[in-house]
Amino acid sequence: MPKRVLVIAAHPDDETYGMGGTIAWHVRRGDNVTVLIMTDGVTARHTVTAPQEAAAVNACAILGVEHVRFARLADQRLDSLPLLDLIKPITAAVNELGAQIVYTHHRGDANQDHRAIFAATLVAIRPFGACPVEQAYSYEVASSTEWGAPFAETAFVPTHFVEITSTLEDKVRAAAAYSETYQSEVKPFPHPRSLEAVRIYAQQRGVSVGVPAAEAFVPIRQLVKEN
C-alpha cells in the first residue's frame, strides 16, 4: 500500500542534501510525498528569497515531488520564537495530509534551526488521539550533522538505511538546482555541500551497509499495527 510521507526541512535544500535519494525512492514506490520547508533559508544573509523557493520547487520536482509547502519563517531565528509557532505548521501538515511516515532533523545538528525543528516535530507527532504517524525518522544534513558537538548524547547513530543506488543521480541533479539562487548553495569541493561530496557521502553510507549508495536515519518511532 502506498504511504503518505511528510519530509520536514528547516531550510530549502535540507530535504535534498539530507535525504534526496530516499525522497525519490519513496516517489518511485508510489508513495505520496510532501515536503514542508519551514524557513526562507537566506534572510540571515540577504533578503532575496524568491529564487530560493523556486530552486526548492525545482529540486523537489527533480526528485518527483509535486507538493511543497513553505512556512516562510525567518532563517536562523527559530530559537527566538515560541516553540508553539513551529509546532503549529508541522501539526497542520501532519493532520491535513494524514502523514504515516515523517522525516525530520537530528537533535544534535550544529544548526540551531535544525534542532528547533526536531523539538517541534516531537511535539507535533505525539502518539495520542488521531495522530496518523506510524514511523518517524531523523536524517542527517551535510555541513550540519557532522559538525555537531562530539558528545554521545547528541551523536547521530543511524540504524536505518535506505539504498539509493538507483536514485543517487536524481539527488545530485536536485542539489545542483540550488546553484540557481541569489547566492549559490552549492559549494566547491571539498565542501560537504559540493556535488562531489553528495556522491561521497552516499557511497560512504552505502559501504557501511554493503550497497553502492545509501542514506542513513535514526528511528524515532516505528509502530507495527495489527491490521
C-alpha atoms as a PDB file:
ATOM      1  CA  MET A   1       0.000   0.000   0.000  1.00  0.00           C
ATOM      2  CA  PRO A   2       1.301   3.484  -0.832  1.00  0.00           C
ATOM      3  CA  LYS A   3       2.247   5.566   2.201  1.00  0.00           C
ATOM      4  CA  ARG A   4       1.708   9.258   2.923  1.00  0.00           C
ATOM      5  CA  VAL A   5       5.136  10.751   3.623  1.00  0.00           C
ATOM      6  CA  LEU A   6       5.979  14.151   5.115  1.00  0.00           C
ATOM      7  CA  VAL A   7       9.548  15.473   4.936  1.00  0.00           C
ATOM      8  CA  ILE A   8      10.174  18.438   7.250  1.00  0.00           C
ATOM      9  CA  ALA A   9      13.122  20.683   6.397  1.00  0.00           C
ATOM     10  CA  ALA A  10      14.315  23.780   8.221  1.00  0.00           C
ATOM     11  CA  HIS A  11      15.696  25.372   5.061  1.00  0.00           C
ATOM     12  CA  PRO A  12      15.371  24.984   1.299  1.00  0.00           C
ATOM     13  CA  ASP A  13      17.992  22.353   0.297  1.00  0.00           C
ATOM     14  CA  ASP A  14      17.986  20.442   3.618  1.00  0.00           C
ATOM     15  CA  GLU A  15      15.493  17.998   2.140  1.00  0.00           C
ATOM     16  CA  THR A  16      17.772  17.326  -0.829  1.00  0.00           C
ATOM     17  CA  TYR A  17      21.161  17.187   0.874  1.00  0.00           C
ATOM     18  CA  GLY A  18      19.655  15.255   3.767  1.00  0.00           C
ATOM     19  CA  MET A  19      17.537  12.629   2.037  1.00  0.00           C
ATOM     20  CA  GLY A  20      17.034  13.439  -1.640  1.00  0.00           C
ATOM     21  CA  GLY A  21      17.718   9.864  -2.686  1.00  0.00           C
ATOM     22  CA  THR A  22      15.181   8.494  -0.215  1.00  0.00           C
ATOM     23  CA  ILE A  23      12.580  11.031  -1.328  1.00  0.00           C
ATOM     24  CA  ALA A  24      12.995   9.842  -4.925  1.00  0.00           C
ATOM     25  CA  TRP A  25      12.865   6.230  -3.697  1.00  0.00           C
ATOM     26  CA  HIS A  26       9.531   6.868  -1.966  1.00  0.00           C
ATOM     27  CA  VAL A  27       8.135   8.512  -5.104  1.00  0.00           C
ATOM     28  CA  ARG A  28       9.205   5.572  -7.266  1.00  0.00           C
ATOM     29  CA  ARG A  29       7.438   3.223  -4.853  1.00  0.00           C
ATOM     30  CA  GLY A  30       4.234   5.154  -5.414  1.00  0.00           C
ATOM     31  CA  ASP A  31       4.179   6.908  -2.045  1.00  0.00           C
ATOM     32  CA  ASN A  32       2.582  10.344  -1.726  1.00  0.00           C
ATOM     33  CA  VAL A  33       5.403  12.676  -0.639  1.00  0.00           C
ATOM     34  CA  THR A  34       5.045  16.239   0.631  1.00  0.00           C
ATOM     35  CA  VAL A  35       7.960  18.476   1.617  1.00  0.00           C
ATOM     36  CA  LEU A  36       7.411  21.149   4.271  1.00  0.00           C
ATOM     37  CA  ILE A  37      10.125  23.845   4.332  1.00  0.00           C
ATOM     38  CA  MET A  38       9.977  25.917   7.487  1.00  0.00           C
ATOM     39  CA  THR A  39      12.175  28.982   6.815  1.00  0.00           C
ATOM     40  CA  ASP A  40      13.188  31.144   3.885  1.00  0.00           C
ATOM     41  CA  GLY A  41      16.730  29.838   4.312  1.00  0.00           C
ATOM     42  CA  VAL A  42      18.523  33.056   3.418  1.00  0.00           C
ATOM     43  CA  THR A  43      17.446  36.164   5.360  1.00  0.00           C
ATOM     44  CA  ALA A  44      20.286  35.725   7.836  1.00  0.00           C
ATOM     45  CA  ARG A  45      22.493  36.629   4.842  1.00  0.00           C
ATOM     46  CA  HIS A  46      20.314  38.602   2.403  1.00  0.00           C
ATOM     47  CA  THR A  47      16.663  39.344   1.562  1.00  0.00           C
ATOM     48  CA  VAL A  48      16.329  37.754  -1.893  1.00  0.00           C
ATOM     49  CA  THR A  49      14.065  34.823  -1.049  1.00  0.00           C
ATOM     50  CA  ALA A  50      12.156  34.160  -4.284  1.00  0.00           C
ATOM     51  CA  PRO A  51      14.981  32.285  -6.063  1.00  0.00           C
ATOM     52  CA  GLN A  52      15.367  30.060  -3.014  1.00  0.00           C
ATOM     53  CA  GLU A  53      11.746  28.943  -3.161  1.00  0.00           C
ATOM     54  CA  ALA A  54      11.942  28.472  -6.918  1.00  0.00           C
ATOM     55  CA  ALA A  55      15.040  26.309  -6.515  1.00  0.00           C
ATOM     56  CA  ALA A  56      13.274  24.242  -3.859  1.00  0.00           C
ATOM     57  CA  VAL A  57      10.302  23.620  -6.127  1.00  0.00           C
ATOM     58  CA  ASN A  58      12.654  22.701  -8.976  1.00  0.00           C
ATOM     59  CA  ALA A  59      14.788  20.401  -6.814  1.00  0.00           C
ATOM     60  CA  CYS A  60      11.729  18.629  -5.418  1.00  0.00           C
ATOM     61  CA  ALA A  61      10.321  18.235  -8.936  1.00  0.00           C
ATOM     62  CA  ILE A  62      13.558  16.522  -9.982  1.00  0.00           C
ATOM     63  CA  LEU A  63      13.022  14.112  -7.082  1.00  0.00           C
ATOM     64  CA  GLY A  64       9.438  13.566  -8.235  1.00  0.00           C
ATOM     65  CA  VAL A  65       7.695  15.642  -5.546  1.00  0.00           C
ATOM     66  CA  GLU A  66       4.793  17.833  -6.627  1.00  0.00           C
ATOM     67  CA  HIS A  67       3.690  19.088  -3.210  1.00  0.00           C
ATOM     68  CA  VAL A  68       5.987  21.591  -1.494  1.00  0.00           C
ATOM     69  CA  ARG A  69       4.789  23.741   1.423  1.00  0.00           C
ATOM     70  CA  PHE A  70       6.533  26.868   2.717  1.00  0.00           C
ATOM     71  CA  ALA A  71       6.028  28.149   6.274  1.00  0.00           C
ATOM     72  CA  ARG A  72       8.237  31.194   5.467  1.00  0.00           C
ATOM     73  CA  LEU A  73       9.644  31.718   8.951  1.00  0.00           C
ATOM     74  CA  ALA A  74      12.856  33.739   9.370  1.00  0.00           C
ATOM     75  CA  ASP A  75      16.136  31.963   8.718  1.00  0.00           C
ATOM     76  CA  GLN A  76      18.378  31.302  11.764  1.00  0.00           C
ATOM     77  CA  ARG A  77      15.840  32.817  14.165  1.00  0.00           C
ATOM     78  CA  LEU A  78      13.757  29.808  15.108  1.00  0.00           C
ATOM     79  CA  ASP A  79      15.364  29.674  18.550  1.00  0.00           C
ATOM     80  CA  SER A  80      13.878  33.124  19.242  1.00  0.00           C
ATOM     81  CA  LEU A  81      10.305  32.035  18.506  1.00  0.00           C
ATOM     82  CA  PRO A  82       7.917  30.301  20.883  1.00  0.00           C
ATOM     83  CA  LEU A  83       8.077  26.586  20.148  1.00  0.00           C
ATOM     84  CA  LEU A  84       4.336  26.656  19.513  1.00  0.00           C
ATOM     85  CA  ASP A  85       4.934  28.791  16.404  1.00  0.00           C
ATOM     86  CA  LEU A  86       6.949  25.912  14.952  1.00  0.00           C
ATOM     87  CA  ILE A  87       4.645  23.172  16.157  1.00  0.00           C
ATOM     88  CA  LYS A  88       1.523  24.619  14.533  1.00  0.00           C
ATOM     89  CA  PRO A  89       2.545  24.396  10.838  1.00  0.00           C
ATOM     90  CA  ILE A  90       4.013  20.931  11.378  1.00  0.00           C
ATOM     91  CA  THR A  91       0.893  19.693  13.162  1.00  0.00           C
ATOM     92  CA  ALA A  92      -1.304  21.165  10.442  1.00  0.00           C
ATOM     93  CA  ALA A  93       0.684  19.379   7.725  1.00  0.00           C
ATOM     94  CA  VAL A  94       0.670  16.058   9.601  1.00  0.00           C
ATOM     95  CA  ASN A  95      -3.092  16.165  10.155  1.00  0.00           C
ATOM     96  CA  GLU A  96      -4.126  17.560   6.771  1.00  0.00           C
ATOM     97  CA  LEU A  97      -2.002  15.033   4.905  1.00  0.00           C
ATOM     98  CA  GLY A  98      -2.660  12.139   7.265  1.00  0.00           C
ATOM     99  CA  ALA A  99       1.096  11.574   7.247  1.00  0.00           C
ATOM    100  CA  GLN A 100       2.063   7.996   8.102  1.00  0.00           C
ATOM    101  CA  ILE A 101       5.828   8.481   7.766  1.00  0.00           C
ATOM    102  CA  VAL A 102       7.574  11.643   8.962  1.00  0.00           C
ATOM    103  CA  TYR A 103      11.199  12.636   8.454  1.00  0.00           C
ATOM    104  CA  THR A 104      12.776  15.478  10.433  1.00  0.00           C
ATOM    105  CA  HIS A 105      16.140  16.862  11.506  1.00  0.00           C
ATOM    106  CA  HIS A 106      18.563  15.370  14.020  1.00  0.00           C
ATOM    107  CA  ARG A 107      18.577  16.831  17.525  1.00  0.00           C
ATOM    108  CA  GLY A 108      22.370  17.160  17.652  1.00  0.00           C
ATOM    109  CA  ASP A 109      22.934  19.193  14.479  1.00  0.00           C
ATOM    110  CA  ALA A 110      25.200  22.236  14.632  1.00  0.00           C
ATOM    111  CA  ASN A 111      22.472  24.390  13.084  1.00  0.00           C
ATOM    112  CA  GLN A 112      20.099  25.854  15.671  1.00  0.00           C
ATOM    113  CA  ASP A 113      17.149  25.858  13.256  1.00  0.00           C
ATOM    114  CA  HIS A 114      17.571  22.112  12.767  1.00  0.00           C
ATOM    115  CA  ARG A 115      17.499  21.499  16.498  1.00  0.00           C
ATOM    116  CA  ALA A 116      14.390  23.637  16.900  1.00  0.00           C
ATOM    117  CA  ILE A 117      12.577  21.757  14.140  1.00  0.00           C
ATOM    118  CA  PHE A 118      13.429  18.427  15.753  1.00  0.00           C
ATOM    119  CA  ALA A 119      11.943  19.579  19.070  1.00  0.00           C
ATOM    120  CA  ALA A 120       8.800  20.910  17.387  1.00  0.00           C
ATOM    121  CA  THR A 121       8.332  17.724  15.390  1.00  0.00           C
ATOM    122  CA  LEU A 122       8.433  15.570  18.511  1.00  0.00           C
ATOM    123  CA  VAL A 123       5.509  17.532  19.922  1.00  0.00           C
ATOM    124  CA  ALA A 124       3.586  17.598  16.633  1.00  0.00           C
ATOM    125  CA  ILE A 125       3.711  13.804  16.239  1.00  0.00           C
ATOM    126  CA  ARG A 126       2.837  12.835  19.808  1.00  0.00           C
ATOM    127  CA  PRO A 127       1.076   9.442  19.618  1.00  0.00           C
ATOM    128  CA  PHE A 128      -2.329  10.271  21.001  1.00  0.00           C
ATOM    129  CA  GLY A 129      -5.792  10.983  19.647  1.00  0.00           C
ATOM    130  CA  ALA A 130      -5.999  10.755  15.881  1.00  0.00           C
ATOM    131  CA  CYS A 131      -2.276  11.221  15.150  1.00  0.00           C
ATOM    132  CA  PRO A 132      -1.671   9.234  11.932  1.00  0.00           C
ATOM    133  CA  VAL A 133       2.120   8.907  12.249  1.00  0.00           C
ATOM    134  CA  GLU A 134       3.345   5.312  12.308  1.00  0.00           C
ATOM    135  CA  GLN A 135       7.027   5.882  11.545  1.00  0.00           C
ATOM    136  CA  ALA A 136       9.313   8.828  12.249  1.00  0.00           C
ATOM    137  CA  TYR A 137      12.995   9.254  11.492  1.00  0.00           C
ATOM    138  CA  SER A 138      15.766  11.834  11.817  1.00  0.00           C
ATOM    139  CA  TYR A 139      18.011  12.416   8.809  1.00  0.00           C
ATOM    140  CA  GLU A 140      21.486  13.919   8.584  1.00  0.00           C
ATOM    141  CA  VAL A 141      22.384  17.058   6.634  1.00  0.00           C
ATOM    142  CA  ALA A 142      25.851  17.657   5.232  1.00  0.00           C
ATOM    143  CA  SER A 143      27.728  20.541   6.922  1.00  0.00           C
ATOM    144  CA  SER A 144      25.445  20.440   9.938  1.00  0.00           C
ATOM    145  CA  THR A 145      25.086  16.949  11.388  1.00  0.00           C
ATOM    146  CA  GLU A 146      28.742  16.023  11.090  1.00  0.00           C
ATOM    147  CA  TRP A 147      29.711  19.426  12.517  1.00  0.00           C
ATOM    148  CA  GLY A 148      27.663  18.922  15.673  1.00  0.00           C
ATOM    149  CA  ALA A 149      29.231  18.558  19.119  1.00  0.00           C
ATOM    150  CA  PRO A 150      31.130  15.245  19.502  1.00  0.00           C
ATOM    151  CA  PHE A 151      29.217  14.017  22.544  1.00  0.00           C
ATOM    152  CA  ALA A 152      27.459  10.681  22.906  1.00  0.00           C
ATOM    153  CA  GLU A 153      24.119  12.221  23.851  1.00  0.00           C
ATOM    154  CA  THR A 154      23.930  14.241  20.624  1.00  0.00           C
ATOM    155  CA  ALA A 155      25.710  11.877  18.200  1.00  0.00           C
ATOM    156  CA  PHE A 156      23.984  10.780  15.013  1.00  0.00           C
ATOM    157  CA  VAL A 157      24.000   6.983  15.291  1.00  0.00           C
ATOM    158  CA  PRO A 158      21.934   5.582  12.407  1.00  0.00           C
ATOM    159  CA  THR A 159      20.386   2.131  12.445  1.00  0.00           C
ATOM    160  CA  HIS A 160      18.026   2.577   9.488  1.00  0.00           C
ATOM    161  CA  PHE A 161      19.415   2.802   5.957  1.00  0.00           C
ATOM    162  CA  VAL A 162      17.788   3.232   2.548  1.00  0.00           C
ATOM    163  CA  GLU A 163      19.692   2.156  -0.542  1.00  0.00           C
ATOM    164  CA  ILE A 164      19.743   4.990  -3.082  1.00  0.00           C
ATOM    165  CA  THR A 165      21.955   3.466  -5.759  1.00  0.00           C
ATOM    166  CA  SER A 166      19.254   3.981  -8.397  1.00  0.00           C
ATOM    167  CA  THR A 167      18.292   7.488  -7.216  1.00  0.00           C
ATOM    168  CA  LEU A 168      21.702   8.970  -6.361  1.00  0.00           C
ATOM    169  CA  GLU A 169      21.974  10.878  -9.628  1.00  0.00           C
ATOM    170  CA  ASP A 170      18.494  12.329  -9.031  1.00  0.00           C
ATOM    171  CA  LYS A 171      19.801  13.605  -5.700  1.00  0.00           C
ATOM    172  CA  VAL A 172      22.869  15.126  -7.352  1.00  0.00           C
ATOM    173  CA  ARG A 173      20.740  16.864 -10.003  1.00  0.00           C
ATOM    174  CA  ALA A 174      18.376  18.163  -7.329  1.00  0.00           C
ATOM    175  CA  ALA A 175      21.298  19.530  -5.318  1.00  0.00           C
ATOM    176  CA  ALA A 176      22.616  21.224  -8.473  1.00  0.00           C
ATOM    177  CA  ALA A 177      19.283  23.066  -8.742  1.00  0.00           C
ATOM    178  CA  TYR A 178      20.315  25.051  -5.658  1.00  0.00           C
ATOM    179  CA  SER A 179      23.104  26.694  -7.622  1.00  0.00           C
ATOM    180  CA  GLU A 180      20.340  28.751  -9.287  1.00  0.00           C
ATOM    181  CA  THR A 181      19.850  31.033  -6.292  1.00  0.00           C
ATOM    182  CA  TYR A 182      20.905  34.574  -5.443  1.00  0.00           C
ATOM    183  CA  GLN A 183      23.920  33.110  -3.652  1.00  0.00           C
ATOM    184  CA  SER A 184      24.605  29.529  -4.715  1.00  0.00           C
ATOM    185  CA  GLU A 185      24.110  26.880  -2.036  1.00  0.00           C
ATOM    186  CA  VAL A 186      26.380  24.534  -3.996  1.00  0.00           C
ATOM    187  CA  LYS A 187      29.984  24.909  -2.865  1.00  0.00           C
ATOM    188  CA  PRO A 188      33.274  23.802  -4.431  1.00  0.00           C
ATOM    189  CA  PHE A 189      34.853  20.522  -3.337  1.00  0.00           C
ATOM    190  CA  PRO A 190      35.850  19.586  -0.627  1.00  0.00           C
ATOM    191  CA  HIS A 191      32.960  21.473   0.987  1.00  0.00           C
ATOM    192  CA  PRO A 192      30.306  18.999   2.259  1.00  0.00           C
ATOM    193  CA  ARG A 193      27.729  20.694   0.031  1.00  0.00           C
ATOM    194  CA  SER A 194      29.677  20.193  -3.168  1.00  0.00           C
ATOM    195  CA  LEU A 195      28.191  17.836  -5.735  1.00  0.00           C
ATOM    196  CA  GLU A 196      31.237  15.590  -5.396  1.00  0.00           C
ATOM    197  CA  ALA A 197      30.606  15.336  -1.656  1.00  0.00           C
ATOM    198  CA  VAL A 198      26.968  14.354  -2.256  1.00  0.00           C
ATOM    199  CA  ARG A 199      28.213  11.236  -4.023  1.00  0.00           C
ATOM    200  CA  ILE A 200      30.965  10.569  -1.490  1.00  0.00           C
ATOM    201  CA  TYR A 201      28.608  10.748   1.498  1.00  0.00           C
ATOM    202  CA  ALA A 202      26.139   8.410  -0.215  1.00  0.00           C
ATOM    203  CA  GLN A 203      28.897   5.955  -1.075  1.00  0.00           C
ATOM    204  CA  GLN A 204      30.272   6.090   2.469  1.00  0.00           C
ATOM    205  CA  ARG A 205      26.865   5.258   3.951  1.00  0.00           C
ATOM    206  CA  GLY A 206      26.359   2.596   1.321  1.00  0.00           C
ATOM    207  CA  VAL A 207      29.678   0.894   2.005  1.00  0.00           C
ATOM    208  CA  SER A 208      28.824   0.726   5.707  1.00  0.00           C
ATOM    209  CA  VAL A 209      25.823  -1.498   4.934  1.00  0.00           C
ATOM    210  CA  GLY A 210      27.089  -3.329   1.845  1.00  0.00           C
ATOM    211  CA  VAL A 211      25.464  -1.416  -1.018  1.00  0.00           C
ATOM    212  CA  PRO A 212      26.889   1.120  -3.502  1.00  0.00           C
ATOM    213  CA  ALA A 213      24.974   4.130  -2.105  1.00  0.00           C
ATOM    214  CA  ALA A 214      22.665   4.783   0.836  1.00  0.00           C
ATOM    215  CA  GLU A 215      21.214   7.397   3.167  1.00  0.00           C
ATOM    216  CA  ALA A 216      21.158   6.953   6.931  1.00  0.00           C
ATOM    217  CA  PHE A 217      18.472   7.648   9.525  1.00  0.00           C
ATOM    218  CA  VAL A 218      17.887   7.447  13.267  1.00  0.00           C
ATOM    219  CA  PRO A 219      14.478   5.911  14.051  1.00  0.00           C
ATOM    220  CA  ILE A 220      12.277   7.954  16.374  1.00  0.00           C
ATOM    221  CA  ARG A 221       9.183   5.758  16.219  1.00  0.00           C
ATOM    222  CA  GLN A 222       8.221   2.571  14.402  1.00  0.00           C
ATOM    223  CA  LEU A 223       4.685   1.338  15.015  1.00  0.00           C
ATOM    224  CA  VAL A 224       3.546  -2.051  13.703  1.00  0.00           C
ATOM    225  CA  LYS A 225      -0.245  -2.242  13.616  1.00  0.00           C
ATOM    226  CA  GLU A 226      -2.242  -5.449  13.847  1.00  0.00           C
ATOM    227  CA  ASN A 227      -4.269  -4.698  10.725  1.00  0.00           C
END
